Structures are given as C-alpha cells and as structure tokens.
Amino acid sequence: MWRSEKRQFPLVMDATSLGNRWTILAVSVVMSSCAIPVAWKVLPAQQEGSWRPYWEGLLNELGKAVPEDVGSDRAY
C-alpha cells in the first residue's frame, strides 16, 4: 500500500449541495484515483455563516483516528 518510507495519504475536501435542502461537507482519502469519504457533515443548505468550524471539526476528529506514524500536513 505504501510506495515509500513516508506513510502519507492525500485528503480532499468537498462541499456538495443537494438542491436547496442540504449541503454535504466531506473529507475523503484518495487512493488509486478514487476518493473514499471518511468523514462528513450534513448541513441545511440555507444555513448562514462560515463552514470553517465544521471543516476544522471534521479534520480534528479524523486526526484522532490516524496513527502517529502516518505523516500529515495540518495546514488547514
């Protein structure tokens, strides 16, 4: 699975609107050109305010599940 000594994997963040009813914030792991969702938050589409606290919450919770020997760049 790991092609080098550095154990890293790319994450992508995506916001998808489902009509004017829901917005899905998703964090996915990219493997073999596929994005596999690993954390998400469903919000009302018309909710006002920034998504930043939700993104930070998702990334913080995900960080708790990642082994310490897997590299990460916490530049969010």
PDB file of N, CA and C in Angstrom:
ATOM      1  N   MET A   1       0.816  -1.186   0.000  1.00  0.00           N
ATOM      2  CA  MET A   1       0.000   0.000   0.000  1.00  0.00           C
ATOM      3  C   MET A   1       0.866   1.259   0.000  1.00  0.00           C
ATOM      4  N   TRP A   2       1.935   1.281   0.789  1.00  0.00           N
ATOM      5  CA  TRP A   2       2.800   2.459   0.867  1.00  0.00           C
ATOM      6  C   TRP A   2       3.937   2.278  -0.113  1.00  0.00           C
ATOM      7  N   ARG A   3       4.137   3.250  -0.980  1.00  0.00           N
ATOM      8  CA  ARG A   3       5.163   3.153  -2.004  1.00  0.00           C
ATOM      9  C   ARG A   3       6.488   3.751  -1.590  1.00  0.00           C
ATOM     10  N   SER A   4       6.542   4.357  -0.435  1.00  0.00           N
ATOM     11  CA  SER A   4       7.789   4.939   0.039  1.00  0.00           C
ATOM     12  C   SER A   4       7.869   4.750   1.544  1.00  0.00           C
ATOM     13  N   GLU A   5       8.983   5.176   2.109  1.00  0.00           N
ATOM     14  CA  GLU A   5       9.152   5.083   3.553  1.00  0.00           C
ATOM     15  C   GLU A   5       8.219   6.039   4.297  1.00  0.00           C
ATOM     16  N   LYS A   6       7.870   7.143   3.648  1.00  0.00           N
ATOM     17  CA  LYS A   6       6.955   8.103   4.260  1.00  0.00           C
ATOM     18  C   LYS A   6       5.528   7.578   4.104  1.00  0.00           C
ATOM     19  N   ARG A   7       4.869   7.370   5.214  1.00  0.00           N
ATOM     20  CA  ARG A   7       3.483   6.896   5.160  1.00  0.00           C
ATOM     21  C   ARG A   7       2.558   8.103   5.168  1.00  0.00           C
ATOM     22  N   GLN A   8       2.143   8.513   3.984  1.00  0.00           N
ATOM     23  CA  GLN A   8       1.256   9.649   3.828  1.00  0.00           C
ATOM     24  C   GLN A   8       0.140   9.282   2.869  1.00  0.00           C
ATOM     25  N   PHE A   9      -0.975   9.958   3.015  1.00  0.00           N
ATOM     26  CA  PHE A   9      -2.051   9.794   2.049  1.00  0.00           C
ATOM     27  C   PHE A   9      -2.736  11.141   1.851  1.00  0.00           C
ATOM     28  N   PRO A  10      -3.159  11.411   0.610  1.00  0.00           N
ATOM     29  CA  PRO A  10      -3.800  12.696   0.345  1.00  0.00           C
ATOM     30  C   PRO A  10      -5.259  12.692   0.790  1.00  0.00           C
ATOM     31  N   LEU A  11      -5.687  13.829   1.318  1.00  0.00           N
ATOM     32  CA  LEU A  11      -7.081  14.044   1.660  1.00  0.00           C
ATOM     33  C   LEU A  11      -7.630  15.132   0.752  1.00  0.00           C
ATOM     34  N   VAL A  12      -8.874  15.007   0.380  1.00  0.00           N
ATOM     35  CA  VAL A  12      -9.553  16.063  -0.360  1.00  0.00           C
ATOM     36  C   VAL A  12     -10.794  16.477   0.421  1.00  0.00           C
ATOM     37  N   MET A  13     -11.132  17.756   0.298  1.00  0.00           N
ATOM     38  CA  MET A  13     -12.310  18.300   0.966  1.00  0.00           C
ATOM     39  C   MET A  13     -13.262  18.775  -0.124  1.00  0.00           C
ATOM     40  N   ASP A  14     -14.550  18.445   0.048  1.00  0.00           N
ATOM     41  CA  ASP A  14     -15.529  18.772  -0.972  1.00  0.00           C
ATOM     42  C   ASP A  14     -16.831  19.205  -0.315  1.00  0.00           C
ATOM     43  N   ALA A  15     -17.441  20.240  -0.858  1.00  0.00           N
ATOM     44  CA  ALA A  15     -18.777  20.668  -0.438  1.00  0.00           C
ATOM     45  C   ALA A  15     -19.724  20.411  -1.605  1.00  0.00           C
ATOM     46  N   THR A  16     -20.773  19.650  -1.358  1.00  0.00           N
ATOM     47  CA  THR A  16     -21.751  19.323  -2.385  1.00  0.00           C
ATOM     48  C   THR A  16     -23.127  19.779  -1.932  1.00  0.00           C
ATOM     49  N   SER A  17     -23.807  20.524  -2.772  1.00  0.00           N
ATOM     50  CA  SER A  17     -25.167  20.963  -2.459  1.00  0.00           C
ATOM     51  C   SER A  17     -26.165  19.989  -3.062  1.00  0.00           C
ATOM     52  N   LEU A  18     -27.138  19.612  -2.269  1.00  0.00           N
ATOM     53  CA  LEU A  18     -28.223  18.765  -2.755  1.00  0.00           C
ATOM     54  C   LEU A  18     -29.474  19.646  -2.832  1.00  0.00           C
ATOM     55  N   GLY A  19     -29.598  20.277  -3.983  1.00  0.00           N
ATOM     56  CA  GLY A  19     -30.686  21.226  -4.167  1.00  0.00           C
ATOM     57  C   GLY A  19     -30.552  22.376  -3.191  1.00  0.00           C
ATOM     58  N   ASN A  20     -31.666  22.904  -2.741  1.00  0.00           N
ATOM     59  CA  ASN A  20     -31.609  23.939  -1.718  1.00  0.00           C
ATOM     60  C   ASN A  20     -32.071  23.381  -0.384  1.00  0.00           C
ATOM     61  N   ARG A  21     -31.780  22.074  -0.194  1.00  0.00           N
ATOM     62  CA  ARG A  21     -32.159  21.413   1.048  1.00  0.00           C
ATOM     63  C   ARG A  21     -30.960  21.094   1.944  1.00  0.00           C
ATOM     64  N   TRP A  22     -29.899  20.516   1.377  1.00  0.00           N
ATOM     65  CA  TRP A  22     -28.749  20.074   2.173  1.00  0.00           C
ATOM     66  C   TRP A  22     -27.441  20.490   1.525  1.00  0.00           C
ATOM     67  N   THR A  23     -26.415  20.663   2.356  1.00  0.00           N
ATOM     68  CA  THR A  23     -25.037  20.796   1.905  1.00  0.00           C
ATOM     69  C   THR A  23     -24.236  19.731   2.644  1.00  0.00           C
ATOM     70  N   ILE A  24     -23.484  18.944   1.902  1.00  0.00           N
ATOM     71  CA  ILE A  24     -22.657  17.887   2.471  1.00  0.00           C
ATOM     72  C   ILE A  24     -21.199  18.341   2.421  1.00  0.00           C
ATOM     73  N   LEU A  25     -20.564  18.418   3.577  1.00  0.00           N
ATOM     74  CA  LEU A  25     -19.123  18.689   3.649  1.00  0.00           C
ATOM     75  C   LEU A  25     -18.455  17.334   3.862  1.00  0.00           C
ATOM     76  N   ALA A  26     -17.569  16.951   2.965  1.00  0.00           N
ATOM     77  CA  ALA A  26     -16.946  15.624   3.045  1.00  0.00           C
ATOM     78  C   ALA A  26     -15.432  15.720   2.947  1.00  0.00           C
ATOM     79  N   VAL A  27     -14.759  14.901   3.752  1.00  0.00           N
ATOM     80  CA  VAL A  27     -13.312  14.713   3.672  1.00  0.00           C
ATOM     81  C   VAL A  27     -13.108  13.284   3.181  1.00  0.00           C
ATOM     82  N   SER A  28     -12.320  13.135   2.125  1.00  0.00           N
ATOM     83  CA  SER A  28     -12.104  11.816   1.530  1.00  0.00           C
ATOM     84  C   SER A  28     -10.622  11.520   1.405  1.00  0.00           C
ATOM     85  N   VAL A  29     -10.281  10.241   1.475  1.00  0.00           N
ATOM     86  CA  VAL A  29      -8.924   9.748   1.216  1.00  0.00           C
ATOM     87  C   VAL A  29      -8.857   9.402  -0.266  1.00  0.00           C
ATOM     88  N   VAL A  30      -7.775   9.810  -0.933  1.00  0.00           N
ATOM     89  CA  VAL A  30      -7.603   9.493  -2.350  1.00  0.00           C
ATOM     90  C   VAL A  30      -6.676   8.287  -2.467  1.00  0.00           C
ATOM     91  N   MET A  31      -7.186   7.246  -3.125  1.00  0.00           N
ATOM     92  CA  MET A  31      -6.396   6.033  -3.374  1.00  0.00           C
ATOM     93  C   MET A  31      -6.733   5.535  -4.773  1.00  0.00           C
ATOM     94  N   SER A  32      -5.723   5.289  -5.556  1.00  0.00           N
ATOM     95  CA  SER A  32      -5.903   4.758  -6.914  1.00  0.00           C
ATOM     96  C   SER A  32      -6.915   5.572  -7.707  1.00  0.00           C
ATOM     97  N   SER A  33      -6.790   6.885  -7.658  1.00  0.00           N
ATOM     98  CA  SER A  33      -7.651   7.809  -8.400  1.00  0.00           C
ATOM     99  C   SER A  33      -9.109   7.780  -7.958  1.00  0.00           C
ATOM    100  N   CYS A  34      -9.379   7.255  -6.767  1.00  0.00           N
ATOM    101  CA  CYS A  34     -10.736   7.245  -6.222  1.00  0.00           C
ATOM    102  C   CYS A  34     -10.750   8.002  -4.899  1.00  0.00           C
ATOM    103  N   ALA A  35     -11.815   8.721  -4.647  1.00  0.00           N
ATOM    104  CA  ALA A  35     -11.981   9.423  -3.380  1.00  0.00           C
ATOM    105  C   ALA A  35     -12.945   8.618  -2.502  1.00  0.00           C
ATOM    106  N   ILE A  36     -12.459   8.228  -1.333  1.00  0.00           N
ATOM    107  CA  ILE A  36     -13.258   7.421  -0.406  1.00  0.00           C
ATOM    108  C   ILE A  36     -13.612   8.297   0.786  1.00  0.00           C
ATOM    109  N   PRO A  37     -14.896   8.647   0.941  1.00  0.00           N
ATOM    110  CA  PRO A  37     -15.282   9.509   2.063  1.00  0.00           C
ATOM    111  C   PRO A  37     -14.981   8.839   3.406  1.00  0.00           C
ATOM    112  N   VAL A  38     -14.365   9.604   4.299  1.00  0.00           N
ATOM    113  CA  VAL A  38     -14.037   9.080   5.629  1.00  0.00           C
ATOM    114  C   VAL A  38     -14.631   9.930   6.755  1.00  0.00           C
ATOM    115  N   ALA A  39     -15.085  11.125   6.431  1.00  0.00           N
ATOM    116  CA  ALA A  39     -15.729  11.991   7.417  1.00  0.00           C
ATOM    117  C   ALA A  39     -16.634  12.966   6.675  1.00  0.00           C
ATOM    118  N   TRP A  40     -17.802  13.246   7.232  1.00  0.00           N
ATOM    119  CA  TRP A  40     -18.711  14.175   6.573  1.00  0.00           C
ATOM    120  C   TRP A  40     -19.633  14.830   7.587  1.00  0.00           C
ATOM    121  N   LYS A  41     -20.194  15.941   7.160  1.00  0.00           N
ATOM    122  CA  LYS A  41     -21.141  16.703   7.969  1.00  0.00           C
ATOM    123  C   LYS A  41     -22.255  17.154   7.036  1.00  0.00           C
ATOM    124  N   VAL A  42     -23.502  16.938   7.454  1.00  0.00           N
ATOM    125  CA  VAL A  42     -24.661  17.349   6.676  1.00  0.00           C
ATOM    126  C   VAL A  42     -25.231  18.612   7.316  1.00  0.00           C
ATOM    127  N   LEU A  43     -25.359  19.664   6.514  1.00  0.00           N
ATOM    128  CA  LEU A  43     -25.870  20.945   6.992  1.00  0.00           C
ATOM    129  C   LEU A  43     -27.089  21.359   6.178  1.00  0.00           C
ATOM    130  N   PRO A  44     -27.992  22.126   6.786  1.00  0.00           N
ATOM    131  CA  PRO A  44     -29.077  22.701   5.985  1.00  0.00           C
ATOM    132  C   PRO A  44     -28.487  23.631   4.925  1.00  0.00           C
ATOM    133  N   ALA A  45     -28.979  23.554   3.716  1.00  0.00           N
ATOM    134  CA  ALA A  45     -28.405  24.330   2.610  1.00  0.00           C
ATOM    135  C   ALA A  45     -28.484  25.831   2.844  1.00  0.00           C
ATOM    136  N   GLN A  46     -29.497  26.269   3.518  1.00  0.00           N
ATOM    137  CA  GLN A  46     -29.685  27.707   3.707  1.00  0.00           C
ATOM    138  C   GLN A  46     -29.032  28.233   4.985  1.00  0.00           C
ATOM    139  N   GLN A  47     -28.262  27.391   5.670  1.00  0.00           N
ATOM    140  CA  GLN A  47     -27.622  27.811   6.922  1.00  0.00           C
ATOM    141  C   GLN A  47     -26.620  28.918   6.657  1.00  0.00           C
ATOM    142  N   GLU A  48     -26.723  29.973   7.427  1.00  0.00           N
ATOM    143  CA  GLU A  48     -25.804  31.093   7.273  1.00  0.00           C
ATOM    144  C   GLU A  48     -24.533  30.859   8.077  1.00  0.00           C
ATOM    145  N   GLY A  49     -23.489  31.589   7.713  1.00  0.00           N
ATOM    146  CA  GLY A  49     -22.234  31.506   8.447  1.00  0.00           C
ATOM    147  C   GLY A  49     -21.182  30.712   7.701  1.00  0.00           C
ATOM    148  N   SER A  50     -20.014  30.671   8.303  1.00  0.00           N
ATOM    149  CA  SER A  50     -18.850  30.017   7.706  1.00  0.00           C
ATOM    150  C   SER A  50     -18.883  28.504   7.907  1.00  0.00           C
ATOM    151  N   TRP A  51     -18.343  27.795   6.928  1.00  0.00           N
ATOM    152  CA  TRP A  51     -18.179  26.343   7.065  1.00  0.00           C
ATOM    153  C   TRP A  51     -16.895  25.995   7.805  1.00  0.00           C
ATOM    154  N   ARG A  52     -16.019  26.963   7.991  1.00  0.00           N
ATOM    155  CA  ARG A  52     -14.705  26.691   8.579  1.00  0.00           C
ATOM    156  C   ARG A  52     -14.778  25.897   9.892  1.00  0.00           C
ATOM    157  N   PRO A  53     -15.646  26.259  10.841  1.00  0.00           N
ATOM    158  CA  PRO A  53     -15.685  25.464  12.082  1.00  0.00           C
ATOM    159  C   PRO A  53     -16.043  23.994  11.837  1.00  0.00           C
ATOM    160  N   TYR A  54     -16.876  23.742  10.841  1.00  0.00           N
ATOM    161  CA  TYR A  54     -17.247  22.358  10.529  1.00  0.00           C
ATOM    162  C   TYR A  54     -16.084  21.605   9.897  1.00  0.00           C
ATOM    163  N   TRP A  55     -15.380  22.278   8.966  1.00  0.00           N
ATOM    164  CA  TRP A  55     -14.190  21.651   8.368  1.00  0.00           C
ATOM    165  C   TRP A  55     -13.159  21.340   9.453  1.00  0.00           C
ATOM    166  N   GLU A  56     -12.892  22.299  10.322  1.00  0.00           N
ATOM    167  CA  GLU A  56     -11.904  22.085  11.383  1.00  0.00           C
ATOM    168  C   GLU A  56     -12.325  20.940  12.300  1.00  0.00           C
ATOM    169  N   GLY A  57     -13.603  20.871  12.618  1.00  0.00           N
ATOM    170  CA  GLY A  57     -14.095  19.774  13.454  1.00  0.00           C
ATOM    171  C   GLY A  57     -13.909  18.424  12.786  1.00  0.00           C
ATOM    172  N   LEU A  58     -14.229  18.347  11.494  1.00  0.00           N
ATOM    173  CA  LEU A  58     -14.045  17.093  10.765  1.00  0.00           C
ATOM    174  C   LEU A  58     -12.576  16.673  10.738  1.00  0.00           C
ATOM    175  N   LEU A  59     -11.692  17.628  10.426  1.00  0.00           N
ATOM    176  CA  LEU A  59     -10.266  17.305  10.348  1.00  0.00           C
ATOM    177  C   LEU A  59      -9.682  16.953  11.712  1.00  0.00           C
ATOM    178  N   ASN A  60     -10.122  17.627  12.762  1.00  0.00           N
ATOM    179  CA  ASN A  60      -9.638  17.294  14.104  1.00  0.00           C
ATOM    180  C   ASN A  60     -10.073  15.895  14.520  1.00  0.00           C
ATOM    181  N   GLU A  61     -11.326  15.538  14.274  1.00  0.00           N
ATOM    182  CA  GLU A  61     -11.793  14.194  14.617  1.00  0.00           C
ATOM    183  C   GLU A  61     -11.083  13.138  13.787  1.00  0.00           C
ATOM    184  N   LEU A  62     -10.878  13.420  12.514  1.00  0.00           N
ATOM    185  CA  LEU A  62     -10.169  12.478  11.653  1.00  0.00           C
ATOM    186  C   LEU A  62      -8.732  12.298  12.116  1.00  0.00           C
ATOM    187  N   GLY A  63      -8.104  13.391  12.554  1.00  0.00           N
ATOM    188  CA  GLY A  63      -6.724  13.322  13.049  1.00  0.00           C
ATOM    189  C   GLY A  63      -6.570  12.394  14.239  1.00  0.00           C
ATOM    190  N   LYS A  64      -7.604  12.251  15.042  1.00  0.00           N
ATOM    191  CA  LYS A  64      -7.553  11.338  16.194  1.00  0.00           C
ATOM    192  C   LYS A  64      -7.503   9.880  15.762  1.00  0.00           C
ATOM    193  N   ALA A  65      -7.999   9.587  14.561  1.00  0.00           N
ATOM    194  CA  ALA A  65      -8.061   8.202  14.082  1.00  0.00           C
ATOM    195  C   ALA A  65      -6.844   7.795  13.262  1.00  0.00           C
ATOM    196  N   VAL A  66      -5.987   8.750  12.914  1.00  0.00           N
ATOM    197  CA  VAL A  66      -4.817   8.464  12.073  1.00  0.00           C
ATOM    198  C   VAL A  66      -3.639   8.076  12.966  1.00  0.00           C
ATOM    199  N   PRO A  67      -2.999   6.925  12.708  1.00  0.00           N
ATOM    200  CA  PRO A  67      -1.831   6.531  13.504  1.00  0.00           C
ATOM    201  C   PRO A  67      -0.738   7.591  13.448  1.00  0.00           C
ATOM    202  N   GLU A  68       0.023   7.711  14.519  1.00  0.00           N
ATOM    203  CA  GLU A  68       1.057   8.743  14.607  1.00  0.00           C
ATOM    204  C   GLU A  68       2.161   8.585  13.571  1.00  0.00           C
ATOM    205  N   ASP A  69       2.388   7.364  13.079  1.00  0.00           N
ATOM    206  CA  ASP A  69       3.469   7.173  12.105  1.00  0.00           C
ATOM    207  C   ASP A  69       3.034   7.499  10.678  1.00  0.00           C
ATOM    208  N   VAL A  70       1.805   7.952  10.497  1.00  0.00           N
ATOM    209  CA  VAL A  70       1.344   8.399   9.185  1.00  0.00           C
ATOM    210  C   VAL A  70       1.494   9.911   9.149  1.00  0.00           C
ATOM    211  N   GLY A  71       2.271  10.403   8.190  1.00  0.00           N
ATOM    212  CA  GLY A  71       2.566  11.831   8.111  1.00  0.00           C
ATOM    213  C   GLY A  71       1.333  12.644   7.768  1.00  0.00           C
ATOM    214  N   SER A  72       1.344  13.860   8.219  1.00  0.00           N
ATOM    215  CA  SER A  72       0.242  14.768   7.874  1.00  0.00           C
ATOM    216  C   SER A  72       0.765  16.188   7.821  1.00  0.00           C
ATOM    217  N   ASP A  73       0.053  16.990   7.068  1.00  0.00           N
ATOM    218  CA  ASP A  73       0.364  18.415   6.988  1.00  0.00           C
ATOM    219  C   ASP A  73      -0.883  19.143   7.465  1.00  0.00           C
ATOM    220  N   ARG A  74      -0.828  19.693   8.647  1.00  0.00           N
ATOM    221  CA  ARG A  74      -2.007  20.333   9.221  1.00  0.00           C
ATOM    222  C   ARG A  74      -2.051  21.801   8.825  1.00  0.00           C
ATOM    223  N   ALA A  75      -2.087  22.038   7.537  1.00  0.00           N
ATOM    224  CA  ALA A  75      -2.059  23.407   7.028  1.00  0.00           C
ATOM    225  C   ALA A  75      -3.456  23.949   6.761  1.00  0.00           C
ATOM    226  N   TYR A  76      -4.451  23.424   7.392  1.00  0.00           N
ATOM    227  CA  TYR A  76      -5.811  23.921   7.147  1.00  0.00           C
ATOM    228  C   TYR A  76      -6.112  25.110   7.979  1.00  0.00           C
TER     229      TYR A  76
END
